[in-house]
């Protein structure tokens, strides 16, 4: 090969080597640019990039301009493109909004609604066994809480005393403390209650309801709820289970002329019985009418002092 050919070949090789080196640097530079772009994008939240882009589009007057709140757009028009600098926004007007907000540096828009006024809570006397849903809400319960109480009643639940209302899980301790003085559960009147009302008492079923009515009829009525303890089978535990839920109105008691009762009527009375009835008939036959007295019956051992005192309440 001639010298000219050799020089030409050497020149071609140098050009090819230079081209390869330039291509390598071009690839490295392209990869570096991609890397730095990813790093920058990663340090800036996408929402802020989008916000900046939208604001820039707005300043350009494009169709997709950022729509500002009505109060902002009409009163404080945007004065320039916002530029990111040191994690802050700075407008070309020189104002530094270093504290970023969800509204991109703008003040929060005015609320288009009014806050709900606080609910008025009342306190007034009520019976939890009959109170309506509306009145429960007036007392401070929500409608859902009031429905829980009504559902309890609809399933046969009863509030026999104030503490029963406190046991409802929808009634907080604070609410009960406020309402406790206003809880008014009427007591069952023993002289007018029928069997259906009596069985609502704790521990009283159909059997004891019937026995209570029978005892009431033989006596002529109750002066005191404690007289229920005279019924056979009624123990202290059962009685105390409903004692606070009952009362006895003496105005409903039927009084009798004790000295005019026949032997059969005397025997039927719970406080006399057959033995005392025979003695009383004999006493009346041998004693002057003006001298008849319950004290004499006690002295003659025909009545105990306790039974004599009870009978005096029924005597006309």
C-alpha atoms as a PDB file:
ATOM      1  CA  UNK A   1       0.000   0.000   0.000  1.00  0.00           C
ATOM      2  CA  UNK A   2       1.202   3.442  -0.870  1.00  0.00           C
ATOM      3  CA  UNK A   3       1.916   6.094   1.747  1.00  0.00           C
ATOM      4  CA  UNK A   4      -1.081   8.101   0.582  1.00  0.00           C
ATOM      5  CA  UNK A   5      -3.376   5.137   1.098  1.00  0.00           C
ATOM      6  CA  UNK A   6      -1.956   4.478   4.518  1.00  0.00           C
ATOM      7  CA  UNK A   7      -2.494   8.094   5.612  1.00  0.00           C
ATOM      8  CA  UNK A   8      -6.045   8.038   4.319  1.00  0.00           C
ATOM      9  CA  UNK A   9      -6.815   4.815   6.253  1.00  0.00           C
ATOM     10  CA  UNK A  10      -5.292   6.225   9.430  1.00  0.00           C
ATOM     11  CA  UNK A  11      -7.395   9.379   9.054  1.00  0.00           C
ATOM     12  CA  UNK A  12     -10.577   7.318   8.667  1.00  0.00           C
ATOM     13  CA  UNK A  13      -9.801   5.348  11.841  1.00  0.00           C
ATOM     14  CA  UNK A  14      -9.235   8.545  13.837  1.00  0.00           C
ATOM     15  CA  UNK A  15     -12.540   9.961  12.588  1.00  0.00           C
ATOM     16  CA  UNK A  16     -14.369   6.774  13.543  1.00  0.00           C
ATOM     17  CA  UNK A  17     -12.806   6.776  17.008  1.00  0.00           C
ATOM     18  CA  UNK A  18     -13.796  10.421  17.509  1.00  0.00           C
ATOM     19  CA  UNK A  19     -17.361   9.621  16.464  1.00  0.00           C
ATOM     20  CA  UNK A  20     -17.579   6.709  18.910  1.00  0.00           C
ATOM     21  CA  UNK A  21     -16.257   8.873  21.753  1.00  0.00           C
ATOM     22  CA  UNK A  22     -18.733  11.646  20.926  1.00  0.00           C
ATOM     23  CA  UNK A  23     -21.585   9.125  20.853  1.00  0.00           C
ATOM     24  CA  UNK A  24     -20.552   7.771  24.261  1.00  0.00           C
ATOM     25  CA  UNK A  25     -20.513  11.252  25.787  1.00  0.00           C
ATOM     26  CA  UNK A  26     -23.884  11.993  24.186  1.00  0.00           C
ATOM     27  CA  UNK A  27     -25.404   8.872  25.747  1.00  0.00           C
ATOM     28  CA  UNK A  28     -23.892   9.688  29.158  1.00  0.00           C
ATOM     29  CA  UNK A  29     -25.190  13.241  28.972  1.00  0.00           C
ATOM     30  CA  UNK A  30     -28.688  12.031  28.046  1.00  0.00           C
ATOM     31  CA  UNK A  31     -28.749   9.563  30.935  1.00  0.00           C
ATOM     32  CA  UNK A  32     -27.527  12.238  33.350  1.00  0.00           C
ATOM     33  CA  UNK A  33     -30.290  14.599  32.201  1.00  0.00           C
ATOM     34  CA  UNK A  34     -32.932  11.910  32.797  1.00  0.00           C
ATOM     35  CA  UNK A  35     -31.481  11.194  36.253  1.00  0.00           C
ATOM     36  CA  UNK A  36     -31.515  14.840  37.357  1.00  0.00           C
ATOM     37  CA  UNK A  37     -35.038  15.305  36.041  1.00  0.00           C
ATOM     38  CA  UNK A  38     -36.249  12.355  38.121  1.00  0.00           C
ATOM     39  CA  UNK A  39     -34.518  13.697  41.249  1.00  0.00           C
ATOM     40  CA  UNK A  40     -36.097  17.119  40.806  1.00  0.00           C
ATOM     41  CA  UNK A  41     -39.559  15.696  40.147  1.00  0.00           C
ATOM     42  CA  UNK A  42     -39.282  13.423  43.163  1.00  0.00           C
ATOM     43  CA  UNK A  43     -38.553  16.338  45.540  1.00  0.00           C
ATOM     44  CA  UNK A  44     -41.564  18.293  44.288  1.00  0.00           C
ATOM     45  CA  UNK A  45     -45.059  16.883  44.916  1.00  0.00           C
ATOM     46  CA  UNK A  46     -46.942  16.219  41.720  1.00  0.00           C
ATOM     47  CA  UNK A  47     -49.894  18.265  42.966  1.00  0.00           C
ATOM     48  CA  UNK A  48     -47.637  21.349  43.233  1.00  0.00           C
ATOM     49  CA  UNK A  49     -46.150  20.759  39.771  1.00  0.00           C
ATOM     50  CA  UNK A  50     -49.646  20.519  38.372  1.00  0.00           C
ATOM     51  CA  UNK A  51     -50.677  23.617  40.315  1.00  0.00           C
ATOM     52  CA  UNK A  52     -47.703  25.602  38.960  1.00  0.00           C
ATOM     53  CA  UNK A  53     -48.435  24.439  35.439  1.00  0.00           C
ATOM     54  CA  UNK A  54     -52.068  25.372  35.721  1.00  0.00           C
ATOM     55  CA  UNK A  55     -51.208  28.830  37.070  1.00  0.00           C
ATOM     56  CA  UNK A  56     -48.738  29.400  34.251  1.00  0.00           C
ATOM     57  CA  UNK A  57     -51.382  28.358  31.739  1.00  0.00           C
ATOM     58  CA  UNK A  58     -53.749  30.802  33.395  1.00  0.00           C
ATOM     59  CA  UNK A  59     -51.285  33.647  33.068  1.00  0.00           C
ATOM     60  CA  UNK A  60     -50.990  32.809  29.402  1.00  0.00           C
ATOM     61  CA  UNK A  61     -54.724  33.153  28.998  1.00  0.00           C
ATOM     62  CA  UNK A  62     -55.295  29.658  27.662  1.00  0.00           C
ATOM     63  CA  UNK A  63     -58.655  27.896  27.631  1.00  0.00           C
ATOM     64  CA  UNK A  64     -57.604  25.614  30.477  1.00  0.00           C
ATOM     65  CA  UNK A  65     -56.753  28.497  32.815  1.00  0.00           C
ATOM     66  CA  UNK A  66     -56.954  27.900  36.556  1.00  0.00           C
ATOM     67  CA  UNK A  67     -60.355  28.792  37.940  1.00  0.00           C
ATOM     68  CA  UNK A  68     -59.924  30.735  41.167  1.00  0.00           C
ATOM     69  CA  UNK A  69     -62.560  31.048  43.895  1.00  0.00           C
ATOM     70  CA  UNK A  70     -65.200  33.631  43.102  1.00  0.00           C
ATOM     71  CA  UNK A  71     -64.067  35.914  45.933  1.00  0.00           C
ATOM     72  CA  UNK A  72     -60.414  35.710  44.789  1.00  0.00           C
ATOM     73  CA  UNK A  73     -61.011  36.111  41.090  1.00  0.00           C
ATOM     74  CA  UNK A  74     -63.193  39.158  41.562  1.00  0.00           C
ATOM     75  CA  UNK A  75     -61.222  40.921  44.293  1.00  0.00           C
ATOM     76  CA  UNK A  76     -57.571  39.846  44.079  1.00  0.00           C
ATOM     77  CA  UNK A  77     -56.558  38.937  40.513  1.00  0.00           C
ATOM     78  CA  UNK A  78     -53.358  36.961  40.127  1.00  0.00           C
ATOM     79  CA  UNK A  79     -50.460  39.339  39.550  1.00  0.00           C
ATOM     80  CA  UNK A  80     -47.976  37.055  37.869  1.00  0.00           C
ATOM     81  CA  UNK A  81     -46.563  33.592  37.312  1.00  0.00           C
ATOM     82  CA  UNK A  82     -45.524  31.791  40.461  1.00  0.00           C
ATOM     83  CA  UNK A  83     -41.961  30.434  40.366  1.00  0.00           C
ATOM     84  CA  UNK A  84     -40.658  27.689  42.607  1.00  0.00           C
ATOM     85  CA  UNK A  85     -37.641  28.735  44.666  1.00  0.00           C
ATOM     86  CA  UNK A  86     -36.262  26.978  47.761  1.00  0.00           C
ATOM     87  CA  UNK A  87     -39.529  25.090  48.352  1.00  0.00           C
ATOM     88  CA  UNK A  88     -41.514  28.346  48.381  1.00  0.00           C
ATOM     89  CA  UNK A  89     -43.666  30.291  45.992  1.00  0.00           C
ATOM     90  CA  UNK A  90     -42.789  33.784  44.939  1.00  0.00           C
ATOM     91  CA  UNK A  91     -44.870  35.947  42.700  1.00  0.00           C
ATOM     92  CA  UNK A  92     -43.294  38.388  40.297  1.00  0.00           C
ATOM     93  CA  UNK A  93     -44.836  41.150  42.420  1.00  0.00           C
ATOM     94  CA  UNK A  94     -42.208  40.375  45.077  1.00  0.00           C
ATOM     95  CA  UNK A  95     -44.542  38.850  47.663  1.00  0.00           C
ATOM     96  CA  UNK A  96     -43.026  35.782  49.290  1.00  0.00           C
ATOM     97  CA  UNK A  97     -45.656  33.169  50.199  1.00  0.00           C
ATOM     98  CA  UNK A  98     -43.272  30.795  51.947  1.00  0.00           C
ATOM     99  CA  UNK A  99     -46.051  28.883  53.652  1.00  0.00           C
ATOM    100  CA  UNK A 100     -47.668  26.589  51.131  1.00  0.00           C
ATOM    101  CA  UNK A 101     -51.358  25.773  51.554  1.00  0.00           C
ATOM    102  CA  UNK A 102     -53.882  23.437  49.955  1.00  0.00           C
ATOM    103  CA  UNK A 103     -55.080  26.441  47.931  1.00  0.00           C
ATOM    104  CA  UNK A 104     -51.662  27.102  46.358  1.00  0.00           C
ATOM    105  CA  UNK A 105     -50.880  30.166  48.441  1.00  0.00           C
ATOM    106  CA  UNK A 106     -54.317  31.726  48.029  1.00  0.00           C
ATOM    107  CA  UNK A 107     -56.522  32.434  51.056  1.00  0.00           C
ATOM    108  CA  UNK A 108     -59.167  29.786  51.772  1.00  0.00           C
ATOM    109  CA  UNK A 109     -62.421  30.451  49.897  1.00  0.00           C
ATOM    110  CA  UNK A 110     -65.388  31.685  51.898  1.00  0.00           C
ATOM    111  CA  UNK A 111     -67.820  28.959  53.016  1.00  0.00           C
ATOM    112  CA  UNK A 112     -71.005  28.840  51.023  1.00  0.00           C
ATOM    113  CA  UNK A 113     -73.046  27.627  54.019  1.00  0.00           C
ATOM    114  CA  UNK A 114     -73.718  28.613  57.592  1.00  0.00           C
ATOM    115  CA  UNK A 115     -72.703  26.450  60.541  1.00  0.00           C
ATOM    116  CA  UNK A 116     -75.590  24.591  62.186  1.00  0.00           C
ATOM    117  CA  UNK A 117     -76.620  26.378  65.373  1.00  0.00           C
ATOM    118  CA  UNK A 118     -76.178  24.373  68.601  1.00  0.00           C
ATOM    119  CA  UNK A 119     -79.174  22.170  69.434  1.00  0.00           C
ATOM    120  CA  UNK A 120     -81.287  23.445  72.313  1.00  0.00           C
ATOM    121  CA  UNK A 121     -81.398  20.952  75.187  1.00  0.00           C
ATOM    122  CA  UNK A 122     -84.209  21.055  77.739  1.00  0.00           C
ATOM    123  CA  UNK A 123     -84.889  19.465  81.122  1.00  0.00           C
ATOM    124  CA  UNK A 124     -88.453  18.718  82.209  1.00  0.00           C
ATOM    125  CA  UNK A 125     -90.348  16.023  84.160  1.00  0.00           C
ATOM    126  CA  UNK A 126     -90.907  12.854  82.144  1.00  0.00           C
ATOM    127  CA  UNK A 127     -91.906   9.219  82.475  1.00  0.00           C
ATOM    128  CA  UNK A 128     -89.484   7.012  80.475  1.00  0.00           C
ATOM    129  CA  UNK A 129     -92.305   4.471  80.021  1.00  0.00           C
ATOM    130  CA  UNK A 130     -94.480   6.886  78.038  1.00  0.00           C
ATOM    131  CA  UNK A 131     -92.266   9.702  76.725  1.00  0.00           C
ATOM    132  CA  UNK A 132     -92.277  10.228  72.942  1.00  0.00           C
ATOM    133  CA  UNK A 133     -89.298  10.200  70.586  1.00  0.00           C
ATOM    134  CA  UNK A 134     -89.618  13.951  70.019  1.00  0.00           C
ATOM    135  CA  UNK A 135     -89.470  14.687  73.756  1.00  0.00           C
ATOM    136  CA  UNK A 136     -86.469  12.385  74.209  1.00  0.00           C
ATOM    137  CA  UNK A 137     -84.657  14.440  71.571  1.00  0.00           C
ATOM    138  CA  UNK A 138     -85.639  17.613  73.448  1.00  0.00           C
ATOM    139  CA  UNK A 139     -83.988  16.126  76.539  1.00  0.00           C
ATOM    140  CA  UNK A 140     -80.676  15.847  74.675  1.00  0.00           C
ATOM    141  CA  UNK A 141     -80.671  12.399  73.042  1.00  0.00           C
ATOM    142  CA  UNK A 142     -80.134  11.927  69.329  1.00  0.00           C
ATOM    143  CA  UNK A 143     -82.927  10.386  67.256  1.00  0.00           C
ATOM    144  CA  UNK A 144     -80.988   7.116  67.027  1.00  0.00           C
ATOM    145  CA  UNK A 145     -80.553   6.993  70.811  1.00  0.00           C
ATOM    146  CA  UNK A 146     -84.242   7.795  71.343  1.00  0.00           C
ATOM    147  CA  UNK A 147     -85.206   4.951  68.971  1.00  0.00           C
ATOM    148  CA  UNK A 148     -83.167   2.517  71.107  1.00  0.00           C
ATOM    149  CA  UNK A 149     -85.279   3.432  74.156  1.00  0.00           C
ATOM    150  CA  UNK A 150     -88.547   3.125  72.219  1.00  0.00           C
ATOM    151  CA  UNK A 151     -87.487  -0.259  70.815  1.00  0.00           C
ATOM    152  CA  UNK A 152     -86.763  -1.445  74.363  1.00  0.00           C
ATOM    153  CA  UNK A 153     -90.277  -0.452  75.414  1.00  0.00           C
ATOM    154  CA  UNK A 154     -91.871  -1.998  72.316  1.00  0.00           C
ATOM    155  CA  UNK A 155     -90.273  -5.335  73.211  1.00  0.00           C
ATOM    156  CA  UNK A 156     -91.875  -5.262  76.662  1.00  0.00           C
ATOM    157  CA  UNK A 157     -89.170  -3.442  78.582  1.00  0.00           C
ATOM    158  CA  UNK A 158     -90.267  -1.352  81.575  1.00  0.00           C
ATOM    159  CA  UNK A 159     -88.615   1.313  83.673  1.00  0.00           C
ATOM    160  CA  UNK A 160     -89.693   0.438  87.221  1.00  0.00           C
ATOM    161  CA  UNK A 161     -87.317   2.864  88.942  1.00  0.00           C
ATOM    162  CA  UNK A 162     -84.983   5.684  87.962  1.00  0.00           C
ATOM    163  CA  UNK A 163     -81.913   3.461  87.946  1.00  0.00           C
ATOM    164  CA  UNK A 164     -83.443   1.375  85.138  1.00  0.00           C
ATOM    165  CA  UNK A 165     -83.179   4.404  82.836  1.00  0.00           C
ATOM    166  CA  UNK A 166     -79.505   4.828  83.750  1.00  0.00           C
ATOM    167  CA  UNK A 167     -78.824   1.208  82.664  1.00  0.00           C
ATOM    168  CA  UNK A 168     -79.648   2.016  79.021  1.00  0.00           C
ATOM    169  CA  UNK A 169     -76.321   2.089  77.167  1.00  0.00           C
ATOM    170  CA  UNK A 170     -77.407   5.154  75.166  1.00  0.00           C
ATOM    171  CA  UNK A 171     -77.796   7.155  78.404  1.00  0.00           C
ATOM    172  CA  UNK A 172     -74.418   8.527  79.481  1.00  0.00           C
ATOM    173  CA  UNK A 173     -73.541   9.195  83.111  1.00  0.00           C
ATOM    174  CA  UNK A 174     -73.529  12.940  82.453  1.00  0.00           C
ATOM    175  CA  UNK A 175     -76.958  12.829  80.833  1.00  0.00           C
ATOM    176  CA  UNK A 176     -78.424  10.743  83.663  1.00  0.00           C
ATOM    177  CA  UNK A 177     -77.034  13.054  86.338  1.00  0.00           C
ATOM    178  CA  UNK A 178     -78.805  15.969  84.657  1.00  0.00           C
ATOM    179  CA  UNK A 179     -82.107  14.162  84.084  1.00  0.00           C
ATOM    180  CA  UNK A 180     -82.340  12.099  87.298  1.00  0.00           C
ATOM    181  CA  UNK A 181     -84.260  14.807  89.236  1.00  0.00           C
ATOM    182  CA  UNK A 182     -86.793  15.018  86.378  1.00  0.00           C
ATOM    183  CA  UNK A 183     -87.539  11.288  86.026  1.00  0.00           C
ATOM    184  CA  UNK A 184     -91.094  10.740  87.258  1.00  0.00           C
ATOM    185  CA  UNK A 185     -92.246   7.123  87.110  1.00  0.00           C
ATOM    186  CA  UNK A 186     -95.807   6.904  88.519  1.00  0.00           C
ATOM    187  CA  UNK A 187     -96.233   4.223  91.169  1.00  0.00           C
ATOM    188  CA  UNK A 188     -98.845   1.517  90.695  1.00  0.00           C
ATOM    189  CA  UNK A 189    -101.888   2.108  92.933  1.00  0.00           C
ATOM    190  CA  UNK A 190    -102.687  -1.233  94.572  1.00  0.00           C
ATOM    191  CA  UNK A 191    -106.387  -0.580  95.257  1.00  0.00           C
ATOM    192  CA  UNK A 192    -107.287   0.117  91.619  1.00  0.00           C
ATOM    193  CA  UNK A 193    -104.770  -1.990  89.680  1.00  0.00           C
ATOM    194  CA  UNK A 194    -106.062  -4.960  87.709  1.00  0.00           C
ATOM    195  CA  UNK A 195    -104.175  -8.215  87.131  1.00  0.00           C
ATOM    196  CA  UNK A 196    -102.661  -6.953  83.856  1.00  0.00           C
ATOM    197  CA  UNK A 197    -101.085  -4.024  85.701  1.00  0.00           C
ATOM    198  CA  UNK A 198     -99.950  -6.146  88.649  1.00  0.00           C
ATOM    199  CA  UNK A 199     -98.005  -8.592  86.490  1.00  0.00           C
ATOM    200  CA  UNK A 200     -95.806  -5.712  85.307  1.00  0.00           C
ATOM    201  CA  UNK A 201     -94.303  -5.597  88.795  1.00  0.00           C
ATOM    202  CA  UNK A 202     -90.955  -7.303  89.239  1.00  0.00           C
ATOM    203  CA  UNK A 203     -91.452 -10.809  90.640  1.00  0.00           C
ATOM    204  CA  UNK A 204     -95.259 -10.777  90.249  1.00  0.00           C
ATOM    205  CA  UNK A 205     -96.779 -13.233  87.824  1.00  0.00           C
ATOM    206  CA  UNK A 206    -100.392 -14.297  87.229  1.00  0.00           C
ATOM    207  CA  UNK A 207    -100.491 -16.385  90.437  1.00  0.00           C
ATOM    208  CA  UNK A 208     -99.468 -13.596  92.798  1.00  0.00           C
ATOM    209  CA  UNK A 209    -101.544 -11.043  90.875  1.00  0.00           C
ATOM    210  CA  UNK A 210    -104.633 -13.187  91.588  1.00  0.00           C
ATOM    211  CA  UNK A 211    -103.683 -13.604  95.258  1.00  0.00           C
ATOM    212  CA  UNK A 212    -103.220  -9.836  95.667  1.00  0.00           C
ATOM    213  CA  UNK A 213    -106.673  -9.110  94.243  1.00  0.00           C
ATOM    214  CA  UNK A 214    -108.283 -11.770  96.443  1.00  0.00           C
ATOM    215  CA  UNK A 215    -106.603 -10.383  99.572  1.00  0.00           C
ATOM    216  CA  UNK A 216    -107.640  -6.861  98.625  1.00  0.00           C
ATOM    217  CA  UNK A 217    -111.293  -7.866  98.248  1.00  0.00           C
ATOM    218  CA  UNK A 218    -111.356  -9.663 101.623  1.00  0.00           C
ATOM    219  CA  UNK A 219    -109.814  -6.658 103.366  1.00  0.00           C
ATOM    220  CA  UNK A 220    -111.764  -3.997 101.519  1.00  0.00           C
ATOM    221  CA  UNK A 221    -108.552  -2.432 100.234  1.00  0.00           C
ATOM    222  CA  UNK A 222    -104.983  -1.673 101.301  1.00  0.00           C
ATOM    223  CA  UNK A 223    -103.908   1.063 103.672  1.00  0.00           C
ATOM    224  CA  UNK A 224    -100.229   0.219 103.294  1.00  0.00           C
ATOM    225  CA  UNK A 225     -98.263  -1.732 100.649  1.00  0.00           C
ATOM    226  CA  UNK A 226     -96.678  -3.676 103.528  1.00  0.00           C
ATOM    227  CA  UNK A 227    -100.003  -5.527 103.831  1.00  0.00           C
ATOM    228  CA  UNK A 228     -98.939  -7.529 100.783  1.00  0.00           C
ATOM    229  CA  UNK A 229     -96.543  -9.375 103.079  1.00  0.00           C
ATOM    230  CA  UNK A 230     -99.624 -11.001 104.649  1.00  0.00           C
ATOM    231  CA  UNK A 231    -100.206 -12.995 101.438  1.00  0.00           C
ATOM    232  CA  UNK A 232     -99.068 -16.606 101.716  1.00  0.00           C
ATOM    233  CA  UNK A 233     -95.846 -17.169  99.761  1.00  0.00           C
ATOM    234  CA  UNK A 234     -94.898 -13.477  99.596  1.00  0.00           C
ATOM    235  CA  UNK A 235     -91.376 -13.235 101.056  1.00  0.00           C
ATOM    236  CA  UNK A 236     -89.291 -10.154 101.797  1.00  0.00           C
ATOM    237  CA  UNK A 237     -87.030 -10.560  98.777  1.00  0.00           C
ATOM    238  CA  UNK A 238     -89.945 -10.693  96.339  1.00  0.00           C
ATOM    239  CA  UNK A 239     -91.665  -7.752  98.017  1.00  0.00           C
ATOM    240  CA  UNK A 240     -88.575  -5.528  97.973  1.00  0.00           C
ATOM    241  CA  UNK A 241     -88.221  -6.203  94.258  1.00  0.00           C
ATOM    242  CA  UNK A 242     -91.287  -4.035  93.539  1.00  0.00           C
ATOM    243  CA  UNK A 243     -91.901  -2.119  96.791  1.00  0.00           C
ATOM    244  CA  UNK A 244     -90.644   1.186  95.374  1.00  0.00           C
ATOM    245  CA  UNK A 245     -92.993   0.851  92.393  1.00  0.00           C
ATOM    246  CA  UNK A 246     -96.301   0.642  94.304  1.00  0.00           C
ATOM    247  CA  UNK A 247     -98.434   2.763  96.614  1.00  0.00           C
ATOM    248  CA  UNK A 248    -101.747   2.401  98.468  1.00  0.00           C
ATOM    249  CA  UNK A 249    -104.346   5.181  98.355  1.00  0.00           C
ATOM    250  CA  UNK A 250    -106.500   4.788 101.481  1.00  0.00           C
ATOM    251  CA  UNK A 251    -109.308   6.810  99.899  1.00  0.00           C
ATOM    252  CA  UNK A 252    -110.175   3.661  97.906  1.00  0.00           C
ATOM    253  CA  UNK A 253    -110.563   1.494 101.038  1.00  0.00           C
ATOM    254  CA  UNK A 254    -114.115   0.306 101.805  1.00  0.00           C
ATOM    255  CA  UNK A 255    -114.896   0.720 105.502  1.00  0.00           C
ATOM    256  CA  UNK A 256    -117.409  -1.491 107.362  1.00  0.00           C
ATOM    257  CA  UNK A 257    -119.465  -1.446 110.551  1.00  0.00           C
ATOM    258  CA  UNK A 258    -117.509  -4.098 112.374  1.00  0.00           C
ATOM    259  CA  UNK A 259    -120.137  -4.702 115.058  1.00  0.00           C
ATOM    260  CA  UNK A 260    -122.856  -5.471 112.524  1.00  0.00           C
ATOM    261  CA  UNK A 261    -120.984  -8.226 110.660  1.00  0.00           C
ATOM    262  CA  UNK A 262    -122.456 -11.727 110.680  1.00  0.00           C
ATOM    263  CA  UNK A 263    -120.470 -14.721 111.871  1.00  0.00           C
ATOM    264  CA  UNK A 264    -119.711 -15.728 108.248  1.00  0.00           C
ATOM    265  CA  UNK A 265    -118.495 -12.238 107.376  1.00  0.00           C
ATOM    266  CA  UNK A 266    -116.325 -12.127 110.480  1.00  0.00           C
ATOM    267  CA  UNK A 267    -114.802 -15.522 109.633  1.00  0.00           C
ATOM    268  CA  UNK A 268    -114.030 -14.352 106.076  1.00  0.00           C
ATOM    269  CA  UNK A 269    -112.080 -11.314 107.232  1.00  0.00           C
ATOM    270  CA  UNK A 270    -108.295 -11.901 107.108  1.00  0.00           C
ATOM    271  CA  UNK A 271    -107.728 -10.287 110.516  1.00  0.00           C
ATOM    272  CA  UNK A 272    -110.395 -12.326 112.374  1.00  0.00           C
ATOM    273  CA  UNK A 273    -110.851 -15.940 111.306  1.00  0.00           C
ATOM    274  CA  UNK A 274    -113.231 -18.613 112.590  1.00  0.00           C
ATOM    275  CA  UNK A 275    -111.964 -18.857 116.211  1.00  0.00           C
ATOM    276  CA  UNK A 276    -112.100 -15.079 116.842  1.00  0.00           C
ATOM    277  CA  UNK A 277    -115.451 -14.834 115.019  1.00  0.00           C
ATOM    278  CA  UNK A 278    -117.081 -17.262 117.472  1.00  0.00           C
ATOM    279  CA  UNK A 279    -115.663 -15.355 120.460  1.00  0.00           C
ATOM    280  CA  UNK A 280    -116.811 -11.981 119.095  1.00  0.00           C
ATOM    281  CA  UNK A 281    -120.365 -13.263 118.533  1.00  0.00           C
ATOM    282  CA  UNK A 282    -120.439 -14.570 122.137  1.00  0.00           C
ATOM    283  CA  UNK A 283    -118.972 -11.276 123.442  1.00  0.00           C
ATOM    284  CA  UNK A 284    -121.648  -9.244 121.674  1.00  0.00           C
ATOM    285  CA  UNK A 285    -124.393 -11.478 123.099  1.00  0.00           C
ATOM    286  CA  UNK A 286    -123.331 -11.061 126.749  1.00  0.00           C
ATOM    287  CA  UNK A 287    -122.061  -7.449 126.696  1.00  0.00           C
ATOM    288  CA  UNK A 288    -124.094  -4.296 126.602  1.00  0.00           C
ATOM    289  CA  UNK A 289    -123.893  -2.621 123.209  1.00  0.00           C
ATOM    290  CA  UNK A 290    -122.608   0.644 124.732  1.00  0.00           C
ATOM    291  CA  UNK A 291    -119.607  -1.239 126.158  1.00  0.00           C
ATOM    292  CA  UNK A 292    -118.443  -2.928 122.970  1.00  0.00           C
ATOM    293  CA  UNK A 293    -114.842  -1.991 122.237  1.00  0.00           C
ATOM    294  CA  UNK A 294    -111.762  -3.387 120.511  1.00  0.00           C
ATOM    295  CA  UNK A 295    -109.870  -2.947 123.766  1.00  0.00           C
ATOM    296  CA  UNK A 296    -112.191  -5.469 125.423  1.00  0.00           C
ATOM    297  CA  UNK A 297    -111.620  -7.915 122.578  1.00  0.00           C
ATOM    298  CA  UNK A 298    -107.844  -7.655 123.189  1.00  0.00           C
ATOM    299  CA  UNK A 299    -108.302  -8.077 126.974  1.00  0.00           C
ATOM    300  CA  UNK A 300    -110.417 -11.176 126.358  1.00  0.00           C
ATOM    301  CA  UNK A 301    -107.709 -12.573 124.042  1.00  0.00           C
ATOM    302  CA  UNK A 302    -110.072 -12.589 121.071  1.00  0.00           C
ATOM    303  CA  UNK A 303    -107.772 -10.311 119.039  1.00  0.00           C
ATOM    304  CA  UNK A 304    -104.097  -9.403 119.206  1.00  0.00           C
ATOM    305  CA  UNK A 305    -103.179  -5.765 119.688  1.00  0.00           C
ATOM    306  CA  UNK A 306    -101.752  -5.640 116.163  1.00  0.00           C
ATOM    307  CA  UNK A 307    -104.905  -7.018 114.524  1.00  0.00           C
ATOM    308  CA  UNK A 308    -107.090  -4.789 116.660  1.00  0.00           C
ATOM    309  CA  UNK A 309    -105.173  -1.710 115.442  1.00  0.00           C
ATOM    310  CA  UNK A 310    -105.562  -2.801 111.812  1.00  0.00           C
ATOM    311  CA  UNK A 311    -109.294  -3.491 112.186  1.00  0.00           C
ATOM    312  CA  UNK A 312    -109.865  -0.024 113.631  1.00  0.00           C
ATOM    313  CA  UNK A 313    -108.712   1.455 110.300  1.00  0.00           C
ATOM    314  CA  UNK A 314    -111.505  -0.417 108.493  1.00  0.00           C
ATOM    315  CA  UNK A 315    -114.205   0.328 111.075  1.00  0.00           C
ATOM    316  CA  UNK A 316    -116.692   3.065 110.254  1.00  0.00           C
END
